[in-house]
PDB file of all heavy atoms in Angstrom:
ATOM      1  N   ARG A   1     -11.195  49.802-124.388  1.00  0.00           N
ATOM      2  CA  ARG A   1     -10.785  48.499-124.913  1.00  0.00           C
ATOM      3  C   ARG A   1     -11.031  47.443-123.846  1.00  0.00           C
ATOM      4  O   ARG A   1     -10.700  47.626-122.675  1.00  0.00           O
ATOM      5  CB  ARG A   1      -9.304  48.561-125.288  1.00  0.00           C
ATOM      6  CG  ARG A   1      -8.809  47.312-125.951  1.00  0.00           C
ATOM      7  CD  ARG A   1      -9.080  47.369-127.425  1.00  0.00           C
ATOM      8  NE  ARG A   1      -8.551  46.172-128.062  1.00  0.00           N
ATOM      9  CZ  ARG A   1      -9.157  45.575-129.064  1.00  0.00           C
ATOM     10  NH1 ARG A   1     -10.255  46.067-129.553  1.00  0.00           N
ATOM     11  NH2 ARG A   1      -8.642  44.502-129.585  1.00  0.00           N
ATOM     12  N   GLY A   2     -11.654  46.334-124.243  1.00  0.00           N
ATOM     13  CA  GLY A   2     -11.955  45.251-123.315  1.00  0.00           C
ATOM     14  C   GLY A   2     -13.318  45.363-122.655  1.00  0.00           C
ATOM     15  O   GLY A   2     -13.680  44.518-121.844  1.00  0.00           O
ATOM     16  N   SER A   3     -14.101  46.398-122.999  1.00  0.00           N
ATOM     17  CA  SER A   3     -15.408  46.620-122.371  1.00  0.00           C
ATOM     18  C   SER A   3     -16.559  45.885-123.040  1.00  0.00           C
ATOM     19  O   SER A   3     -17.608  45.699-122.427  1.00  0.00           O
ATOM     20  CB  SER A   3     -15.752  48.112-122.357  1.00  0.00           C
ATOM     21  OG  SER A   3     -14.842  48.828-121.568  1.00  0.00           O
ATOM     22  N   LEU A   4     -16.396  45.494-124.296  1.00  0.00           N
ATOM     23  CA  LEU A   4     -17.490  44.790-124.969  1.00  0.00           C
ATOM     24  C   LEU A   4     -17.653  43.408-124.348  1.00  0.00           C
ATOM     25  O   LEU A   4     -16.671  42.664-124.213  1.00  0.00           O
ATOM     26  CB  LEU A   4     -17.210  44.643-126.469  1.00  0.00           C
ATOM     27  CG  LEU A   4     -17.270  45.904-127.315  1.00  0.00           C
ATOM     28  CD1 LEU A   4     -16.946  45.582-128.773  1.00  0.00           C
ATOM     29  CD2 LEU A   4     -18.619  46.559-127.217  1.00  0.00           C
ATOM     30  N   PRO A   5     -18.880  43.056-123.971  1.00  0.00           N
ATOM     31  CA  PRO A   5     -19.088  41.719-123.403  1.00  0.00           C
ATOM     32  C   PRO A   5     -18.859  40.633-124.450  1.00  0.00           C
ATOM     33  O   PRO A   5     -19.269  40.776-125.600  1.00  0.00           O
ATOM     34  CB  PRO A   5     -20.553  41.748-122.942  1.00  0.00           C
ATOM     35  CG  PRO A   5     -21.166  42.956-123.521  1.00  0.00           C
ATOM     36  CD  PRO A   5     -20.093  43.855-124.001  1.00  0.00           C
ATOM     37  N   ARG A   6     -18.169  39.598-124.033  1.00  0.00           N
ATOM     38  CA  ARG A   6     -17.825  38.491-124.942  1.00  0.00           C
ATOM     39  C   ARG A   6     -18.112  37.159-124.258  1.00  0.00           C
ATOM     40  O   ARG A   6     -18.148  37.064-123.041  1.00  0.00           O
ATOM     41  CB  ARG A   6     -16.346  38.552-125.312  1.00  0.00           C
ATOM     42  CG  ARG A   6     -15.955  39.834-126.021  1.00  0.00           C
ATOM     43  CD  ARG A   6     -14.458  39.843-126.332  1.00  0.00           C
ATOM     44  NE  ARG A   6     -13.995  41.149-126.759  1.00  0.00           N
ATOM     45  CZ  ARG A   6     -14.118  41.638-127.977  1.00  0.00           C
ATOM     46  NH1 ARG A   6     -14.699  40.933-128.905  1.00  0.00           N
ATOM     47  NH2 ARG A   6     -13.672  42.838-128.269  1.00  0.00           N
ATOM     48  N   THR A   7     -18.265  36.148-125.089  1.00  0.00           N
ATOM     49  CA  THR A   7     -18.394  34.790-124.568  1.00  0.00           C
ATOM     50  C   THR A   7     -17.001  34.314-124.158  1.00  0.00           C
ATOM     51  O   THR A   7     -16.000  34.979-124.440  1.00  0.00           O
ATOM     52  CB  THR A   7     -18.963  33.837-125.635  1.00  0.00           C
ATOM     53  OG1 THR A   7     -18.011  33.738-126.704  1.00  0.00           O
ATOM     54  CG2 THR A   7     -20.304  34.332-126.163  1.00  0.00           C
ATOM     55  N   THR A   8     -16.934  33.142-123.549  1.00  0.00           N
ATOM     56  CA  THR A   8     -15.631  32.602-123.165  1.00  0.00           C
ATOM     57  C   THR A   8     -14.758  32.304-124.373  1.00  0.00           C
ATOM     58  O   THR A   8     -13.541  32.274-124.270  1.00  0.00           O
ATOM     59  CB  THR A   8     -15.797  31.322-122.317  1.00  0.00           C
ATOM     60  OG1 THR A   8     -16.608  30.400-123.048  1.00  0.00           O
ATOM     61  CG2 THR A   8     -16.443  31.635-120.981  1.00  0.00           C
ATOM     62  N   SER A   9     -15.385  32.115-125.539  1.00  0.00           N
ATOM     63  CA  SER A   9     -14.609  31.857-126.757  1.00  0.00           C
ATOM     64  C   SER A   9     -14.254  33.156-127.499  1.00  0.00           C
ATOM     65  O   SER A   9     -13.626  33.114-128.547  1.00  0.00           O
ATOM     66  CB  SER A   9     -15.378  30.913-127.692  1.00  0.00           C
ATOM     67  OG  SER A   9     -16.567  31.526-128.131  1.00  0.00           O
ATOM     68  N   GLY A  10     -14.674  34.302-126.958  1.00  0.00           N
ATOM     69  CA  GLY A  10     -14.285  35.586-127.541  1.00  0.00           C
ATOM     70  C   GLY A  10     -15.290  36.204-128.496  1.00  0.00           C
ATOM     71  O   GLY A  10     -15.047  37.285-129.041  1.00  0.00           O
ATOM     72  N   LYS A  11     -16.435  35.571-128.698  1.00  0.00           N
ATOM     73  CA  LYS A  11     -17.452  36.138-129.589  1.00  0.00           C
ATOM     74  C   LYS A  11     -18.202  37.266-128.872  1.00  0.00           C
ATOM     75  O   LYS A  11     -18.416  37.209-127.658  1.00  0.00           O
ATOM     76  CB  LYS A  11     -18.447  35.061-130.021  1.00  0.00           C
ATOM     77  CG  LYS A  11     -17.826  33.987-130.870  1.00  0.00           C
ATOM     78  CD  LYS A  11     -18.839  32.934-131.228  1.00  0.00           C
ATOM     79  CE  LYS A  11     -18.178  31.814-132.017  1.00  0.00           C
ATOM     80  NZ  LYS A  11     -19.088  30.711-132.259  1.00  0.00           N
ATOM     81  N   LEU A  12     -18.595  38.279-129.647  1.00  0.00           N
ATOM     82  CA  LEU A  12     -19.324  39.402-129.075  1.00  0.00           C
ATOM     83  C   LEU A  12     -20.712  38.978-128.610  1.00  0.00           C
ATOM     84  O   LEU A  12     -21.397  38.222-129.292  1.00  0.00           O
ATOM     85  CB  LEU A  12     -19.469  40.527-130.102  1.00  0.00           C
ATOM     86  CG  LEU A  12     -18.192  41.253-130.478  1.00  0.00           C
ATOM     87  CD1 LEU A  12     -18.471  42.258-131.588  1.00  0.00           C
ATOM     88  CD2 LEU A  12     -17.589  41.955-129.282  1.00  0.00           C
ATOM     89  N   ARG A  13     -21.117  39.495-127.472  1.00  0.00           N
ATOM     90  CA  ARG A  13     -22.459  39.246-126.941  1.00  0.00           C
ATOM     91  C   ARG A  13     -23.295  40.499-127.201  1.00  0.00           C
ATOM     92  O   ARG A  13     -23.441  41.351-126.347  1.00  0.00           O
ATOM     93  CB  ARG A  13     -22.373  38.915-125.462  1.00  0.00           C
ATOM     94  CG  ARG A  13     -21.635  37.614-125.209  1.00  0.00           C
ATOM     95  CD  ARG A  13     -21.469  37.300-123.756  1.00  0.00           C
ATOM     96  NE  ARG A  13     -22.738  37.347-123.057  1.00  0.00           N
ATOM     97  CZ  ARG A  13     -22.832  37.539-121.747  1.00  0.00           C
ATOM     98  NH1 ARG A  13     -21.757  37.699-121.018  1.00  0.00           N
ATOM     99  NH2 ARG A  13     -24.007  37.572-121.176  1.00  0.00           N
ATOM    100  N   ARG A  14     -23.826  40.586-128.416  1.00  0.00           N
ATOM    101  CA  ARG A  14     -24.570  41.779-128.831  1.00  0.00           C
ATOM    102  C   ARG A  14     -25.813  42.005-127.987  1.00  0.00           C
ATOM    103  O   ARG A  14     -26.177  43.140-127.719  1.00  0.00           O
ATOM    104  CB  ARG A  14     -24.912  41.690-130.312  1.00  0.00           C
ATOM    105  CG  ARG A  14     -23.685  41.837-131.189  1.00  0.00           C
ATOM    106  CD  ARG A  14     -23.974  41.514-132.653  1.00  0.00           C
ATOM    107  NE  ARG A  14     -22.722  41.449-133.416  1.00  0.00           N
ATOM    108  CZ  ARG A  14     -21.946  40.379-133.448  1.00  0.00           C
ATOM    109  NH1 ARG A  14     -22.263  39.292-132.781  1.00  0.00           N
ATOM    110  NH2 ARG A  14     -20.827  40.407-134.138  1.00  0.00           N
ATOM    111  N   SER A  15     -26.475  40.944-127.575  1.00  0.00           N
ATOM    112  CA  SER A  15     -27.674  41.111-126.741  1.00  0.00           C
ATOM    113  C   SER A  15     -27.308  41.736-125.399  1.00  0.00           C
ATOM    114  O   SER A  15     -28.060  42.554-124.863  1.00  0.00           O
ATOM    115  CB  SER A  15     -28.401  39.784-126.544  1.00  0.00           C
ATOM    116  OG  SER A  15     -27.559  38.848-125.908  1.00  0.00           O
ATOM    117  N   GLU A  16     -26.158  41.394-124.863  1.00  0.00           N
ATOM    118  CA  GLU A  16     -25.690  42.014-123.613  1.00  0.00           C
ATOM    119  C   GLU A  16     -25.309  43.472-123.854  1.00  0.00           C
ATOM    120  O   GLU A  16     -25.556  44.333-123.004  1.00  0.00           O
ATOM    121  CB  GLU A  16     -24.509  41.237-123.042  1.00  0.00           C
ATOM    122  CG  GLU A  16     -23.960  41.799-121.754  1.00  0.00           C
ATOM    123  CD  GLU A  16     -24.929  41.724-120.576  1.00  0.00           C
ATOM    124  OE1 GLU A  16     -25.846  40.890-120.593  1.00  0.00           O
ATOM    125  OE2 GLU A  16     -24.759  42.521-119.628  1.00  0.00           O
ATOM    126  N   CYS A  17     -24.704  43.769-125.006  1.00  0.00           N
ATOM    127  CA  CYS A  17     -24.401  45.163-125.357  1.00  0.00           C
ATOM    128  C   CYS A  17     -25.689  45.972-125.375  1.00  0.00           C
ATOM    129  O   CYS A  17     -25.754  47.073-124.817  1.00  0.00           O
ATOM    130  CB  CYS A  17     -23.737  45.246-126.736  1.00  0.00           C
ATOM    131  SG  CYS A  17     -22.066  44.596-126.815  1.00  0.00           S
ATOM    132  N   ARG A  18     -26.708  45.430-126.018  1.00  0.00           N
ATOM    133  CA  ARG A  18     -27.996  46.114-126.123  1.00  0.00           C
ATOM    134  C   ARG A  18     -28.617  46.322-124.741  1.00  0.00           C
ATOM    135  O   ARG A  18     -29.105  47.404-124.429  1.00  0.00           O
ATOM    136  CB  ARG A  18     -28.950  45.325-127.008  1.00  0.00           C
ATOM    137  CG  ARG A  18     -30.287  46.008-127.215  1.00  0.00           C
ATOM    138  CD  ARG A  18     -31.196  45.195-128.156  1.00  0.00           C
ATOM    139  NE  ARG A  18     -32.345  45.959-128.543  1.00  0.00           N
ATOM    140  CZ  ARG A  18     -33.496  45.974-127.871  1.00  0.00           C
ATOM    141  NH1 ARG A  18     -33.629  45.251-126.773  1.00  0.00           N
ATOM    142  NH2 ARG A  18     -34.507  46.711-128.300  1.00  0.00           N
ATOM    143  N   ALA A  19     -28.585  45.293-123.909  1.00  0.00           N
ATOM    144  CA  ALA A  19     -29.157  45.392-122.564  1.00  0.00           C
ATOM    145  C   ALA A  19     -28.454  46.472-121.748  1.00  0.00           C
ATOM    146  O   ALA A  19     -29.109  47.275-121.071  1.00  0.00           O
ATOM    147  CB  ALA A  19     -29.071  44.041-121.856  1.00  0.00           C
ATOM    148  N   ARG A  20     -27.143  46.525-121.824  1.00  0.00           N
ATOM    149  CA  ARG A  20     -26.391  47.556-121.095  1.00  0.00           C
ATOM    150  C   ARG A  20     -26.684  48.948-121.641  1.00  0.00           C
ATOM    151  O   ARG A  20     -26.795  49.909-120.891  1.00  0.00           O
ATOM    152  CB  ARG A  20     -24.891  47.279-121.176  1.00  0.00           C
ATOM    153  CG  ARG A  20     -24.457  46.094-120.369  1.00  0.00           C
ATOM    154  CD  ARG A  20     -22.961  45.898-120.465  1.00  0.00           C
ATOM    155  NE  ARG A  20     -22.539  44.663-119.830  1.00  0.00           N
ATOM    156  CZ  ARG A  20     -21.290  44.269-119.741  1.00  0.00           C
ATOM    157  NH1 ARG A  20     -20.320  45.012-120.270  1.00  0.00           N
ATOM    158  NH2 ARG A  20     -20.983  43.132-119.149  1.00  0.00           N
ATOM    159  N   TYR A  21     -26.824  49.032-122.954  1.00  0.00           N
ATOM    160  CA  TYR A  21     -27.139  50.316-123.589  1.00  0.00           C
ATOM    161  C   TYR A  21     -28.509  50.824-123.137  1.00  0.00           C
ATOM    162  O   TYR A  21     -28.645  51.972-122.724  1.00  0.00           O
ATOM    163  CB  TYR A  21     -27.093  50.175-125.107  1.00  0.00           C
ATOM    164  CG  TYR A  21     -27.457  51.438-125.852  1.00  0.00           C
ATOM    165  CD1 TYR A  21     -26.515  52.448-126.014  1.00  0.00           C
ATOM    166  CD2 TYR A  21     -28.730  51.617-126.372  1.00  0.00           C
ATOM    167  CE1 TYR A  21     -26.838  53.620-126.692  1.00  0.00           C
ATOM    168  CE2 TYR A  21     -29.057  52.778-127.046  1.00  0.00           C
ATOM    169  CZ  TYR A  21     -28.112  53.773-127.202  1.00  0.00           C
ATOM    170  OH  TYR A  21     -28.438  54.933-127.865  1.00  0.00           O
ATOM    171  N   LEU A  22     -29.517  49.960-123.206  1.00  0.00           N
ATOM    172  CA  LEU A  22     -30.868  50.360-122.824  1.00  0.00           C
ATOM    173  C   LEU A  22     -30.979  50.691-121.338  1.00  0.00           C
ATOM    174  O   LEU A  22     -31.774  51.539-120.945  1.00  0.00           O
ATOM    175  CB  LEU A  22     -31.877  49.270-123.209  1.00  0.00           C
ATOM    176  CG  LEU A  22     -32.068  49.059-124.710  1.00  0.00           C
ATOM    177  CD1 LEU A  22     -32.986  47.877-124.976  1.00  0.00           C
ATOM    178  CD2 LEU A  22     -32.591  50.328-125.379  1.00  0.00           C
ATOM    179  N   ALA A  23     -30.159  50.035-120.511  1.00  0.00           N
ATOM    180  CA  ALA A  23     -30.159  50.297-119.073  1.00  0.00           C
ATOM    181  C   ALA A  23     -29.227  51.453-118.697  1.00  0.00           C
ATOM    182  O   ALA A  23     -29.100  51.786-117.521  1.00  0.00           O
ATOM    183  CB  ALA A  23     -29.756  49.037-118.312  1.00  0.00           C
ATOM    184  N   ASN A  24     -28.580  52.034-119.706  1.00  0.00           N
ATOM    185  CA  ASN A  24     -27.621  53.129-119.491  1.00  0.00           C
ATOM    186  C   ASN A  24     -26.521  52.715-118.510  1.00  0.00           C
ATOM    187  O   ASN A  24     -26.139  53.472-117.631  1.00  0.00           O
ATOM    188  CB  ASN A  24     -28.327  54.402-119.031  1.00  0.00           C
ATOM    189  CG  ASN A  24     -27.479  55.629-119.285  1.00  0.00           C
ATOM    190  OD1 ASN A  24     -26.607  55.631-120.147  1.00  0.00           O
ATOM    191  ND2 ASN A  24     -27.728  56.677-118.530  1.00  0.00           N
ATOM    192  N   GLN A  25     -26.027  51.507-118.680  1.00  0.00           N
ATOM    193  CA  GLN A  25     -24.970  50.965-117.827  1.00  0.00           C
ATOM    194  C   GLN A  25     -23.650  50.895-118.577  1.00  0.00           C
ATOM    195  O   GLN A  25     -22.966  49.882-118.567  1.00  0.00           O
ATOM    196  CB  GLN A  25     -25.349  49.573-117.327  1.00  0.00           C
ATOM    197  CG  GLN A  25     -26.554  49.535-116.453  1.00  0.00           C
ATOM    198  CD  GLN A  25     -26.933  48.118-116.064  1.00  0.00           C
ATOM    199  OE1 GLN A  25     -26.674  47.164-116.791  1.00  0.00           O
ATOM    200  NE2 GLN A  25     -27.556  47.975-114.921  1.00  0.00           N
TER     201      GLN A  25
END
């Protein structure tokens, strides 16, 4: 919980999720 990257307004940053996934981070 709290690991999904979000903007300062709380919206999900799906592109950052994808980047972390592809980089295995």
